């Protein structure tokens, strides 16, 4: 059971790393560019970035990181 919890914790840690990258890529790089409508136009890539994506990716990052730490701590205590 502890091995399963460790594996699940590592998977959650990988998910948190992925969502941290997506938070940086979709929001943090463009935080200076958002206008009063919470939009930012990137003329190079021809994309519109939304400030709401920062809330979504940031929340998923925090929740998956908390879950990963909890699972790894629980699995470490069981050994």
C-alpha atoms as a PDB file:
ATOM      1  CA  UNK A   1       0.000   0.000   0.000  1.00  0.00           C
ATOM      2  CA  UNK A   2       2.846   2.401   0.797  1.00  0.00           C
ATOM      3  CA  UNK A   3       4.397   1.710  -2.588  1.00  0.00           C
ATOM      4  CA  UNK A   4       1.103   2.573  -4.324  1.00  0.00           C
ATOM      5  CA  UNK A   5       0.828   5.808  -2.327  1.00  0.00           C
ATOM      6  CA  UNK A   6       4.411   6.692  -3.245  1.00  0.00           C
ATOM      7  CA  UNK A   7       3.724   6.088  -6.922  1.00  0.00           C
ATOM      8  CA  UNK A   8       0.538   8.140  -6.762  1.00  0.00           C
ATOM      9  CA  UNK A   9       2.425  10.918  -4.963  1.00  0.00           C
ATOM     10  CA  UNK A  10       5.123  10.954  -7.634  1.00  0.00           C
ATOM     11  CA  UNK A  11       2.474  11.134 -10.363  1.00  0.00           C
ATOM     12  CA  UNK A  12       0.845  14.080  -8.584  1.00  0.00           C
ATOM     13  CA  UNK A  13       4.257  15.704  -8.288  1.00  0.00           C
ATOM     14  CA  UNK A  14       4.763  15.311 -12.048  1.00  0.00           C
ATOM     15  CA  UNK A  15       1.300  16.791 -12.628  1.00  0.00           C
ATOM     16  CA  UNK A  16       2.195  19.757 -10.439  1.00  0.00           C
ATOM     17  CA  UNK A  17       5.421  20.290 -12.405  1.00  0.00           C
ATOM     18  CA  UNK A  18       3.480  20.232 -15.680  1.00  0.00           C
ATOM     19  CA  UNK A  19       0.856  22.674 -14.420  1.00  0.00           C
ATOM     20  CA  UNK A  20       3.569  24.952 -12.994  1.00  0.00           C
ATOM     21  CA  UNK A  21       5.080  25.135 -16.470  1.00  0.00           C
ATOM     22  CA  UNK A  22       1.672  25.836 -18.008  1.00  0.00           C
ATOM     23  CA  UNK A  23       1.047  28.569 -15.414  1.00  0.00           C
ATOM     24  CA  UNK A  24       4.348  30.178 -16.339  1.00  0.00           C
ATOM     25  CA  UNK A  25       3.773  29.781 -20.083  1.00  0.00           C
ATOM     26  CA  UNK A  26       0.144  30.910 -20.222  1.00  0.00           C
ATOM     27  CA  UNK A  27       0.076  33.601 -17.521  1.00  0.00           C
ATOM     28  CA  UNK A  28       3.296  34.600 -15.773  1.00  0.00           C
ATOM     29  CA  UNK A  29       5.257  35.494 -18.934  1.00  0.00           C
ATOM     30  CA  UNK A  30       2.440  37.807 -20.051  1.00  0.00           C
ATOM     31  CA  UNK A  31       1.393  39.344 -16.700  1.00  0.00           C
ATOM     32  CA  UNK A  32       2.691  42.803 -17.681  1.00  0.00           C
ATOM     33  CA  UNK A  33       0.715  42.821 -20.933  1.00  0.00           C
ATOM     34  CA  UNK A  34      -2.891  42.322 -19.746  1.00  0.00           C
ATOM     35  CA  UNK A  35      -5.271  45.181 -20.405  1.00  0.00           C
ATOM     36  CA  UNK A  36      -8.441  46.173 -18.549  1.00  0.00           C
ATOM     37  CA  UNK A  37     -10.295  43.276 -20.230  1.00  0.00           C
ATOM     38  CA  UNK A  38      -7.723  40.804 -18.831  1.00  0.00           C
ATOM     39  CA  UNK A  39      -6.482  39.977 -22.318  1.00  0.00           C
ATOM     40  CA  UNK A  40      -3.063  40.157 -23.908  1.00  0.00           C
ATOM     41  CA  UNK A  41      -2.379  39.904 -27.633  1.00  0.00           C
ATOM     42  CA  UNK A  42       0.907  38.346 -28.698  1.00  0.00           C
ATOM     43  CA  UNK A  43       1.607  39.626 -32.225  1.00  0.00           C
ATOM     44  CA  UNK A  44       4.496  37.209 -32.794  1.00  0.00           C
ATOM     45  CA  UNK A  45       2.488  34.018 -32.168  1.00  0.00           C
ATOM     46  CA  UNK A  46      -0.816  35.671 -33.127  1.00  0.00           C
ATOM     47  CA  UNK A  47      -2.449  34.480 -29.876  1.00  0.00           C
ATOM     48  CA  UNK A  48      -4.657  36.063 -27.233  1.00  0.00           C
ATOM     49  CA  UNK A  49      -3.749  35.181 -23.643  1.00  0.00           C
ATOM     50  CA  UNK A  50      -6.367  35.431 -20.903  1.00  0.00           C
ATOM     51  CA  UNK A  51      -5.685  36.306 -17.279  1.00  0.00           C
ATOM     52  CA  UNK A  52      -8.203  33.674 -16.161  1.00  0.00           C
ATOM     53  CA  UNK A  53      -5.835  30.963 -17.329  1.00  0.00           C
ATOM     54  CA  UNK A  54      -3.474  31.986 -14.541  1.00  0.00           C
ATOM     55  CA  UNK A  55      -6.145  31.289 -11.948  1.00  0.00           C
ATOM     56  CA  UNK A  56      -6.992  27.912 -13.473  1.00  0.00           C
ATOM     57  CA  UNK A  57      -3.431  26.624 -13.922  1.00  0.00           C
ATOM     58  CA  UNK A  58      -2.335  28.105 -10.592  1.00  0.00           C
ATOM     59  CA  UNK A  59      -5.163  26.382  -8.722  1.00  0.00           C
ATOM     60  CA  UNK A  60      -4.451  23.014 -10.339  1.00  0.00           C
ATOM     61  CA  UNK A  61      -0.756  23.449  -9.515  1.00  0.00           C
ATOM     62  CA  UNK A  62      -1.381  24.221  -5.846  1.00  0.00           C
ATOM     63  CA  UNK A  63      -3.916  21.415  -5.380  1.00  0.00           C
ATOM     64  CA  UNK A  64      -1.752  18.784  -7.065  1.00  0.00           C
ATOM     65  CA  UNK A  65       1.300  19.893  -5.081  1.00  0.00           C
ATOM     66  CA  UNK A  66      -0.595  19.669  -1.778  1.00  0.00           C
ATOM     67  CA  UNK A  67      -1.905  16.237  -2.746  1.00  0.00           C
ATOM     68  CA  UNK A  68       1.588  15.060  -3.749  1.00  0.00           C
ATOM     69  CA  UNK A  69       3.157  16.227  -0.503  1.00  0.00           C
ATOM     70  CA  UNK A  70       0.370  14.624   1.518  1.00  0.00           C
ATOM     71  CA  UNK A  71       0.609  11.304  -0.300  1.00  0.00           C
ATOM     72  CA  UNK A  72       4.399  11.179  -0.086  1.00  0.00           C
ATOM     73  CA  UNK A  73       4.338  12.082   3.603  1.00  0.00           C
ATOM     74  CA  UNK A  74       1.717   9.406   4.282  1.00  0.00           C
ATOM     75  CA  UNK A  75       3.665   6.796   2.306  1.00  0.00           C
ATOM     76  CA  UNK A  76       6.898   7.724   4.096  1.00  0.00           C
ATOM     77  CA  UNK A  77       5.250   7.354   7.476  1.00  0.00           C
ATOM     78  CA  UNK A  78       3.882   3.908   6.580  1.00  0.00           C
ATOM     79  CA  UNK A  79       7.341   2.439   5.876  1.00  0.00           C
END
